[in-house]
C-alpha atoms as a PDB file:
ATOM      1  CA  MET A   1     -19.799 -31.685   0.336  1.00  0.00           C
ATOM      2  CA  TYR A   2     -17.811 -29.211  -1.968  1.00  0.00           C
ATOM      3  CA  LYS A   3     -15.603 -28.345   1.119  1.00  0.00           C
ATOM      4  CA  ARG A   4     -15.029 -32.329   1.859  1.00  0.00           C
ATOM      5  CA  GLN A   5     -14.430 -32.553  -2.430  1.00  0.00           C
ATOM      6  CA  ILE A   6     -12.039 -29.915  -2.125  1.00  0.00           C
ATOM      7  CA  PHE A   7      -9.813 -31.342   0.812  1.00  0.00           C
ATOM      8  CA  GLU A   8      -9.378 -34.169  -0.674  1.00  0.00           C
ATOM      9  CA  ARG A   9      -8.336 -33.462  -3.798  1.00  0.00           C
ATOM     10  CA  PHE A  10      -5.942 -31.197  -2.695  1.00  0.00           C
ATOM     11  CA  SER A  11      -4.511 -33.892   0.028  1.00  0.00           C
ATOM     12  CA  GLU A  12      -4.326 -36.615  -2.858  1.00  0.00           C
ATOM     13  CA  ASP A  13      -2.177 -33.891  -4.947  1.00  0.00           C
ATOM     14  CA  PHE A  14      -0.266 -32.736  -2.208  1.00  0.00           C
ATOM     15  CA  SER A  15       0.918 -36.844  -0.899  1.00  0.00           C
ATOM     16  CA  LYS A  16       1.740 -37.263  -4.736  1.00  0.00           C
ATOM     17  CA  TYR A  17       4.762 -34.810  -4.342  1.00  0.00           C
ATOM     18  CA  PHE A  18       6.713 -35.285  -0.697  1.00  0.00           C
ATOM     19  CA  GLU A  19       9.709 -37.025  -2.963  1.00  0.00           C
ATOM     20  CA  VAL A  20      10.025 -35.879  -6.922  1.00  0.00           C
ATOM     21  CA  ASP A  21      12.910 -35.402  -8.686  1.00  0.00           C
ATOM     22  CA  VAL A  22      13.216 -32.034  -9.379  1.00  0.00           C
ATOM     23  CA  ALA A  23      12.201 -29.601  -6.870  1.00  0.00           C
ATOM     24  CA  ILE A  24      11.541 -25.797  -7.674  1.00  0.00           C
ATOM     25  CA  ALA A  25      11.593 -22.614  -6.281  1.00  0.00           C
ATOM     26  CA  GLY A  26       9.667 -19.851  -7.673  1.00  0.00           C
ATOM     27  CA  ALA A  27       7.468 -20.180 -10.803  1.00  0.00           C
ATOM     28  CA  GLY A  28       8.487 -17.207 -12.420  1.00  0.00           C
ATOM     29  CA  PRO A  29       9.801 -17.448 -16.217  1.00  0.00           C
ATOM     30  CA  ALA A  30      12.732 -19.091 -15.318  1.00  0.00           C
ATOM     31  CA  GLY A  31      11.089 -22.047 -13.108  1.00  0.00           C
ATOM     32  CA  MET A  32       8.577 -22.347 -15.112  1.00  0.00           C
ATOM     33  CA  THR A  33      10.310 -22.773 -18.287  1.00  0.00           C
ATOM     34  CA  ALA A  34      12.485 -25.824 -16.768  1.00  0.00           C
ATOM     35  CA  ALA A  35       9.141 -27.190 -15.253  1.00  0.00           C
ATOM     36  CA  ARG A  36       8.693 -27.789 -17.999  1.00  0.00           C
ATOM     37  CA  TYR A  37      11.575 -28.981 -20.161  1.00  0.00           C
ATOM     38  CA  LEU A  38      12.139 -31.442 -17.259  1.00  0.00           C
ATOM     39  CA  ALA A  39       8.447 -32.843 -17.564  1.00  0.00           C
ATOM     40  CA  LYS A  40       8.483 -33.489 -20.519  1.00  0.00           C
ATOM     41  CA  ALA A  41      11.251 -35.718 -20.137  1.00  0.00           C
ATOM     42  CA  GLY A  42       9.302 -37.743 -17.631  1.00  0.00           C
ATOM     43  CA  LYS A  43      10.936 -36.514 -14.834  1.00  0.00           C
ATOM     44  CA  LYS A  44       8.474 -35.448 -11.176  1.00  0.00           C
ATOM     45  CA  VAL A  45       9.164 -31.916 -10.770  1.00  0.00           C
ATOM     46  CA  VAL A  46       7.061 -29.832  -8.904  1.00  0.00           C
ATOM     47  CA  VAL A  47       7.203 -26.213  -8.318  1.00  0.00           C
ATOM     48  CA  PHE A  48       5.977 -23.711  -5.415  1.00  0.00           C
ATOM     49  CA  GLU A  49       5.265 -20.584  -5.745  1.00  0.00           C
ATOM     50  CA  ARG A  50       5.295 -17.858  -2.872  1.00  0.00           C
ATOM     51  CA  LYS A  51       2.851 -15.969  -4.082  1.00  0.00           C
ATOM     52  CA  LEU A  52      -0.932 -16.733  -4.999  1.00  0.00           C
ATOM     53  CA  SER A  53       0.099 -16.207  -8.766  1.00  0.00           C
ATOM     54  CA  PRO A  54       3.311 -17.765 -11.546  1.00  0.00           C
ATOM     55  CA  GLY A  55       4.658 -16.024 -13.630  1.00  0.00           C
ATOM     56  CA  GLY A  56       6.700 -13.823 -11.152  1.00  0.00           C
ATOM     57  CA  GLY A  57       8.161 -10.466 -12.325  1.00  0.00           C
ATOM     58  CA  MET A  58       6.856 -10.857 -16.010  1.00  0.00           C
ATOM     59  CA  TRP A  59       3.331 -10.152 -15.302  1.00  0.00           C
ATOM     60  CA  GLY A  60       3.960  -6.026 -14.772  1.00  0.00           C
ATOM     61  CA  GLY A  61       5.946  -6.343 -18.272  1.00  0.00           C
ATOM     62  CA  GLY A  62       7.595  -3.411 -18.645  1.00  0.00           C
ATOM     63  CA  MET A  63       6.645  -1.074 -15.827  1.00  0.00           C
ATOM     64  CA  THR A  64       3.196  -1.494 -15.670  1.00  0.00           C
ATOM     65  CA  PHE A  65       2.728  -1.946 -19.590  1.00  0.00           C
ATOM     66  CA  PRO A  66       1.937  -5.612 -20.611  1.00  0.00           C
ATOM     67  CA  VAL A  67       4.343  -6.330 -23.227  1.00  0.00           C
ATOM     68  CA  ILE A  68       8.014  -8.021 -23.019  1.00  0.00           C
ATOM     69  CA  ILE A  69      10.319  -7.577 -25.215  1.00  0.00           C
ATOM     70  CA  VAL A  70      12.378 -11.311 -26.042  1.00  0.00           C
ATOM     71  CA  GLN A  71      15.393 -12.439 -28.723  1.00  0.00           C
ATOM     72  CA  GLU A  72      16.041 -14.518 -31.868  1.00  0.00           C
ATOM     73  CA  GLY A  73      17.398 -17.018 -29.485  1.00  0.00           C
ATOM     74  CA  SER A  74      14.319 -17.294 -26.917  1.00  0.00           C
ATOM     75  CA  LYS A  75      11.661 -16.612 -29.197  1.00  0.00           C
ATOM     76  CA  GLN A  76      10.716 -20.471 -29.592  1.00  0.00           C
ATOM     77  CA  ILE A  77      10.259 -21.081 -26.553  1.00  0.00           C
ATOM     78  CA  LEU A  78       7.867 -19.346 -26.486  1.00  0.00           C
ATOM     79  CA  GLU A  79       6.610 -20.468 -29.552  1.00  0.00           C
ATOM     80  CA  GLU A  80       6.409 -24.195 -28.032  1.00  0.00           C
ATOM     81  CA  ALA A  81       4.193 -22.582 -25.668  1.00  0.00           C
ATOM     82  CA  ASN A  82       1.813 -21.485 -27.630  1.00  0.00           C
ATOM     83  CA  VAL A  83       2.570 -17.212 -27.127  1.00  0.00           C
ATOM     84  CA  LYS A  84       1.743 -14.432 -30.397  1.00  0.00           C
ATOM     85  CA  LEU A  85       5.402 -12.574 -31.123  1.00  0.00           C
ATOM     86  CA  ASP A  86       5.524  -9.886 -33.191  1.00  0.00           C
ATOM     87  CA  LYS A  87       8.231  -8.700 -35.319  1.00  0.00           C
ATOM     88  CA  ALA A  88      10.470  -5.982 -33.228  1.00  0.00           C
ATOM     89  CA  ASP A  89      13.569  -4.357 -34.763  1.00  0.00           C
ATOM     90  CA  LYS A  90      17.112  -5.934 -34.972  1.00  0.00           C
ATOM     91  CA  GLY A  91      16.078  -9.747 -33.522  1.00  0.00           C
ATOM     92  CA  TYR A  92      13.956  -8.822 -31.233  1.00  0.00           C
ATOM     93  CA  TYR A  93      10.414 -10.011 -30.367  1.00  0.00           C
ATOM     94  CA  SER A  94       7.395  -8.414 -28.575  1.00  0.00           C
ATOM     95  CA  ALA A  95       4.499 -10.570 -26.551  1.00  0.00           C
ATOM     96  CA  ASP A  96       1.584  -9.926 -24.815  1.00  0.00           C
ATOM     97  CA  SER A  97       2.926 -10.451 -21.069  1.00  0.00           C
ATOM     98  CA  ILE A  98       0.011 -11.581 -19.755  1.00  0.00           C
ATOM     99  CA  GLU A  99      -0.374 -14.169 -22.724  1.00  0.00           C
ATOM    100  CA  ALA A 100       3.052 -15.011 -22.035  1.00  0.00           C
ATOM    101  CA  CYS A 101       2.608 -16.275 -18.266  1.00  0.00           C
ATOM    102  CA  SER A 102      -0.714 -17.726 -18.427  1.00  0.00           C
ATOM    103  CA  LYS A 103       0.549 -19.802 -20.929  1.00  0.00           C
ATOM    104  CA  ILE A 104       4.158 -20.592 -19.817  1.00  0.00           C
ATOM    105  CA  CYS A 105       2.478 -22.279 -16.754  1.00  0.00           C
ATOM    106  CA  SER A 106      -0.330 -24.418 -18.943  1.00  0.00           C
ATOM    107  CA  ALA A 107       2.670 -25.398 -21.197  1.00  0.00           C
ATOM    108  CA  ALA A 108       4.353 -26.175 -17.372  1.00  0.00           C
ATOM    109  CA  ILE A 109       1.190 -28.023 -16.424  1.00  0.00           C
ATOM    110  CA  ASP A 110       0.551 -29.811 -19.722  1.00  0.00           C
ATOM    111  CA  ALA A 111       3.796 -31.560 -19.579  1.00  0.00           C
ATOM    112  CA  GLY A 112       3.335 -33.162 -16.140  1.00  0.00           C
ATOM    113  CA  ALA A 113       4.414 -30.480 -13.903  1.00  0.00           C
ATOM    114  CA  LYS A 114       3.456 -30.015 -10.392  1.00  0.00           C
ATOM    115  CA  ILE A 115       2.773 -26.198  -9.121  1.00  0.00           C
ATOM    116  CA  PHE A 116       1.258 -25.430  -5.030  1.00  0.00           C
ATOM    117  CA  ASN A 117       1.237 -21.591  -4.814  1.00  0.00           C
ATOM    118  CA  ALA A 118       0.923 -20.228  -1.971  1.00  0.00           C
ATOM    119  CA  ILE A 119       4.022 -22.003  -0.671  1.00  0.00           C
ATOM    120  CA  SER A 120       6.857 -20.738   0.090  1.00  0.00           C
ATOM    121  CA  VAL A 121      10.681 -22.530   0.424  1.00  0.00           C
ATOM    122  CA  GLU A 122      12.703 -21.591   3.943  1.00  0.00           C
ATOM    123  CA  ASP A 123      15.002 -23.899   4.603  1.00  0.00           C
ATOM    124  CA  VAL A 124      16.557 -26.784   2.821  1.00  0.00           C
ATOM    125  CA  LEU A 125      17.711 -30.523   3.799  1.00  0.00           C
ATOM    126  CA  LEU A 126      21.224 -31.525   3.544  1.00  0.00           C
ATOM    127  CA  GLY A 127      22.592 -34.238   3.718  1.00  0.00           C
ATOM    128  CA  ASP A 128      26.693 -36.372   2.671  1.00  0.00           C
ATOM    129  CA  ASN A 129      27.126 -32.451   1.423  1.00  0.00           C
ATOM    130  CA  LYS A 130      24.310 -32.629  -0.828  1.00  0.00           C
ATOM    131  CA  ILE A 131      21.113 -30.616  -1.007  1.00  0.00           C
ATOM    132  CA  ASN A 132      18.830 -32.846  -1.442  1.00  0.00           C
ATOM    133  CA  GLY A 133      14.731 -31.557  -0.463  1.00  0.00           C
ATOM    134  CA  PHE A 134      13.115 -28.273   0.243  1.00  0.00           C
ATOM    135  CA  VAL A 135      11.529 -27.393   3.271  1.00  0.00           C
ATOM    136  CA  ILE A 136       7.742 -25.543   2.734  1.00  0.00           C
ATOM    137  CA  ASN A 137       5.208 -23.789   4.687  1.00  0.00           C
ATOM    138  CA  TRP A 138       2.413 -21.542   3.621  1.00  0.00           C
ATOM    139  CA  SER A 139       2.726 -18.159   2.636  1.00  0.00           C
ATOM    140  CA  ALA A 140       0.670 -16.685   5.523  1.00  0.00           C
ATOM    141  CA  VAL A 141       2.715 -18.041   8.077  1.00  0.00           C
ATOM    142  CA  GLU A 142       5.793 -16.898   6.800  1.00  0.00           C
ATOM    143  CA  ILE A 143       3.973 -13.087   6.592  1.00  0.00           C
ATOM    144  CA  ALA A 144       2.351 -13.644  10.024  1.00  0.00           C
ATOM    145  CA  SER A 145       5.498 -14.752  11.872  1.00  0.00           C
ATOM    146  CA  LEU A 146       3.362 -17.538  13.211  1.00  0.00           C
ATOM    147  CA  HIS A 147       5.532 -20.452  15.620  1.00  0.00           C
ATOM    148  CA  VAL A 148       4.420 -23.147  12.826  1.00  0.00           C
ATOM    149  CA  ASP A 149       6.911 -26.112  11.939  1.00  0.00           C
ATOM    150  CA  PRO A 150       7.319 -26.639   8.359  1.00  0.00           C
ATOM    151  CA  LEU A 151       7.021 -30.238   5.891  1.00  0.00           C
ATOM    152  CA  SER A 152      10.188 -31.236   4.054  1.00  0.00           C
ATOM    153  CA  ILE A 153       9.673 -32.995   0.765  1.00  0.00           C
ATOM    154  CA  ARG A 154      12.719 -34.720  -0.721  1.00  0.00           C
ATOM    155  CA  ALA A 155      14.123 -34.006  -4.073  1.00  0.00           C
ATOM    156  CA  LYS A 156      17.277 -35.347  -6.342  1.00  0.00           C
ATOM    157  CA  TYR A 157      17.568 -31.563  -7.229  1.00  0.00           C
ATOM    158  CA  CYS A 158      16.413 -28.446  -6.910  1.00  0.00           C
ATOM    159  CA  ILE A 159      16.286 -25.263  -8.218  1.00  0.00           C
ATOM    160  CA  ASP A 160      16.375 -22.187  -6.979  1.00  0.00           C
ATOM    161  CA  ALA A 161      14.319 -20.004  -9.564  1.00  0.00           C
ATOM    162  CA  THR A 162      13.176 -16.940  -6.589  1.00  0.00           C
ATOM    163  CA  GLY A 163      14.706 -13.736  -9.115  1.00  0.00           C
ATOM    164  CA  HIS A 164      16.153 -11.306  -7.812  1.00  0.00           C
ATOM    165  CA  ALA A 165      17.017 -12.810  -3.605  1.00  0.00           C
ATOM    166  CA  ALA A 166      18.492 -15.907  -4.576  1.00  0.00           C
ATOM    167  CA  GLU A 167      16.573 -16.753  -1.682  1.00  0.00           C
ATOM    168  CA  VAL A 168      17.653 -20.511  -1.717  1.00  0.00           C
ATOM    169  CA  CYS A 169      20.895 -19.899  -2.039  1.00  0.00           C
ATOM    170  CA  ARG A 170      21.379 -17.134   0.244  1.00  0.00           C
ATOM    171  CA  ILE A 171      20.140 -20.253   3.167  1.00  0.00           C
ATOM    172  CA  VAL A 172      22.773 -22.404   1.722  1.00  0.00           C
ATOM    173  CA  GLN A 173      25.351 -20.246   2.251  1.00  0.00           C
ATOM    174  CA  LYS A 174      24.798 -19.617   5.829  1.00  0.00           C
ATOM    175  CA  LYS A 175      24.669 -23.590   6.017  1.00  0.00           C
ATOM    176  CA  VAL A 176      27.408 -24.382   4.629  1.00  0.00           C
ATOM    177  CA  GLY A 177      29.641 -21.539   4.340  1.00  0.00           C
ATOM    178  CA  ARG A 178      30.420 -21.365   0.757  1.00  0.00           C
ATOM    179  CA  LEU A 179      28.435 -21.671  -2.294  1.00  0.00           C
ATOM    180  CA  ASN A 180      30.649 -22.512  -6.432  1.00  0.00           C
ATOM    181  CA  THR A 181      30.987 -18.792  -6.873  1.00  0.00           C
ATOM    182  CA  PRO A 182      34.806 -17.096  -6.936  1.00  0.00           C
ATOM    183  CA  SER A 183      34.487 -15.687  -3.546  1.00  0.00           C
ATOM    184  CA  GLY A 184      32.133 -18.971  -2.449  1.00  0.00           C
ATOM    185  CA  LYS A 185      29.426 -16.249  -1.413  1.00  0.00           C
ATOM    186  CA  ILE A 186      27.059 -14.154  -2.764  1.00  0.00           C
ATOM    187  CA  GLU A 187      28.063 -11.739  -5.694  1.00  0.00           C
ATOM    188  CA  GLU A 188      25.025  -9.915  -5.443  1.00  0.00           C
ATOM    189  CA  GLU A 189      23.880  -7.586  -8.479  1.00  0.00           C
ATOM    190  CA  LYS A 190      24.959  -4.726 -10.583  1.00  0.00           C
ATOM    191  CA  SER A 191      23.555  -2.895 -12.054  1.00  0.00           C
ATOM    192  CA  MET A 192      21.459  -2.526 -15.185  1.00  0.00           C
ATOM    193  CA  CYS A 193      22.967  -3.738 -18.492  1.00  0.00           C
ATOM    194  CA  ALA A 194      20.450  -5.791 -20.708  1.00  0.00           C
ATOM    195  CA  GLU A 195      22.667  -6.267 -23.341  1.00  0.00           C
ATOM    196  CA  ILE A 196      24.938  -8.709 -20.203  1.00  0.00           C
ATOM    197  CA  GLY A 197      22.665  -9.835 -18.528  1.00  0.00           C
ATOM    198  CA  GLU A 198      20.620 -11.967 -21.115  1.00  0.00           C
ATOM    199  CA  LYS A 199      23.995 -13.386 -21.785  1.00  0.00           C
ATOM    200  CA  THR A 200      25.144 -13.962 -18.683  1.00  0.00           C
ATOM    201  CA  VAL A 201      22.232 -15.105 -16.832  1.00  0.00           C
ATOM    202  CA  VAL A 202      22.463 -17.909 -19.293  1.00  0.00           C
ATOM    203  CA  GLU A 203      26.139 -18.499 -18.086  1.00  0.00           C
ATOM    204  CA  ASN A 204      25.594 -17.883 -15.026  1.00  0.00           C
ATOM    205  CA  THR A 205      22.734 -21.055 -14.642  1.00  0.00           C
ATOM    206  CA  LYS A 206      24.745 -24.070 -13.315  1.00  0.00           C
ATOM    207  CA  GLU A 207      25.208 -26.072 -10.240  1.00  0.00           C
ATOM    208  CA  VAL A 208      25.985 -23.674  -7.295  1.00  0.00           C
ATOM    209  CA  TYR A 209      25.711 -26.465  -4.984  1.00  0.00           C
ATOM    210  CA  PRO A 210      25.712 -30.345  -5.583  1.00  0.00           C
ATOM    211  CA  GLY A 211      22.228 -30.832  -5.644  1.00  0.00           C
ATOM    212  CA  LEU A 212      21.213 -27.126  -6.313  1.00  0.00           C
ATOM    213  CA  PHE A 213      21.205 -25.519  -9.050  1.00  0.00           C
ATOM    214  CA  VAL A 214      20.443 -21.694  -9.821  1.00  0.00           C
ATOM    215  CA  ALA A 215      18.170 -20.184 -12.536  1.00  0.00           C
ATOM    216  CA  GLY A 216      17.244 -16.866 -13.823  1.00  0.00           C
ATOM    217  CA  MET A 217      17.367 -14.060 -12.531  1.00  0.00           C
ATOM    218  CA  ALA A 218      18.411 -15.285  -9.141  1.00  0.00           C
ATOM    219  CA  ALA A 219      21.688 -16.783 -11.626  1.00  0.00           C
ATOM    220  CA  ASN A 220      22.973 -13.100 -11.966  1.00  0.00           C
ATOM    221  CA  THR A 221      22.205 -12.266  -8.157  1.00  0.00           C
ATOM    222  CA  VAL A 222      25.059 -15.334  -7.173  1.00  0.00           C
ATOM    223  CA  TYR A 223      27.296 -14.763  -9.528  1.00  0.00           C
ATOM    224  CA  GLY A 224      27.506 -10.802  -9.332  1.00  0.00           C
ATOM    225  CA  ALA A 225      26.016 -10.112 -13.417  1.00  0.00           C
ATOM    226  CA  PRO A 226      23.873  -7.646 -14.001  1.00  0.00           C
ATOM    227  CA  ARG A 227      19.819  -6.634 -14.375  1.00  0.00           C
ATOM    228  CA  MET A 228      18.421  -7.276 -17.500  1.00  0.00           C
ATOM    229  CA  GLY A 229      14.527  -4.703 -17.365  1.00  0.00           C
ATOM    230  CA  PRO A 230      11.575  -6.298 -19.355  1.00  0.00           C
ATOM    231  CA  ILE A 231      13.889  -8.626 -21.729  1.00  0.00           C
ATOM    232  CA  PHE A 232      12.915 -11.729 -20.310  1.00  0.00           C
ATOM    233  CA  GLY A 233      14.812 -14.199 -23.441  1.00  0.00           C
ATOM    234  CA  GLY A 234      17.328 -14.676 -20.831  1.00  0.00           C
ATOM    235  CA  MET A 235      15.452 -15.632 -18.063  1.00  0.00           C
ATOM    236  CA  LEU A 236      13.450 -18.439 -20.730  1.00  0.00           C
ATOM    237  CA  LEU A 237      17.187 -19.829 -22.022  1.00  0.00           C
ATOM    238  CA  SER A 238      18.276 -19.933 -17.861  1.00  0.00           C
ATOM    239  CA  GLY A 239      14.795 -22.137 -17.441  1.00  0.00           C
ATOM    240  CA  LYS A 240      15.644 -24.815 -20.291  1.00  0.00           C
ATOM    241  CA  LYS A 241      19.521 -24.703 -19.624  1.00  0.00           C
ATOM    242  CA  ALA A 242      18.834 -25.926 -15.908  1.00  0.00           C
ATOM    243  CA  ALA A 243      16.333 -28.318 -16.706  1.00  0.00           C
ATOM    244  CA  GLU A 244      19.457 -29.650 -19.742  1.00  0.00           C
ATOM    245  CA  GLU A 245      22.078 -29.792 -16.743  1.00  0.00           C
ATOM    246  CA  ILE A 246      19.734 -31.865 -14.491  1.00  0.00           C
ATOM    247  CA  LEU A 247      18.814 -34.167 -17.249  1.00  0.00           C
ATOM    248  CA  LYS A 248      22.806 -34.787 -17.692  1.00  0.00           C
ATOM    249  CA  LYS A 249      22.749 -35.715 -14.154  1.00  0.00           C
ATOM    250  CA  PHE A 250      19.854 -38.033 -14.230  1.00  0.00           C
ATOM    251  CA  ASP A 251      21.752 -39.545 -17.661  1.00  0.00           C
END
């Protein structure tokens, strides 16, 4: 009996998300934050995460020490998710990375966003020179290199929050030839510099191709800015900005 209940519930849940307002690739801190603010604004949001656990690189804190750092300007995002913060130095705060990941994920779900794990975005839907959805498949199918046809999800807007790899943007660059970057290509991530990277990850959160926004570390990869290490304030602010920019499009 329970096996049928598992299948029936998943089938019912999944069938609701073939058409959405916003589809997000990657359930790291930027993707989940964007999902929370979009869902809170009443949008139908789905997030696809390749791994079993949402959270991206935040789980491991700094070199597996389960501690992250955020700056003053981003602490409100964690406070809204009831994450406990300790005052650090010069406008910075520390948090437990396990607590932060868990509560950011929970807050996104409580706001109404749907997260599906173990699913990879392997392609995009393109029509009228606009990205209007994702092509998805089980991560296990991708890992095993099985020849299994995928399914597609239609969305009014999409977000690439796949981290350093910027996977969706790479697919779009390959398919359409040019992105909204200085060279038209992915500029590639630069060496670590937290001070610059924290600033530019928010600045680089924008519409990189009609219908496709880039957020989190993917934004700095696409626009050629530094990486930041275990300072995650920029990731959170980037996710919030992505949501705000997409909500402007709906307005």
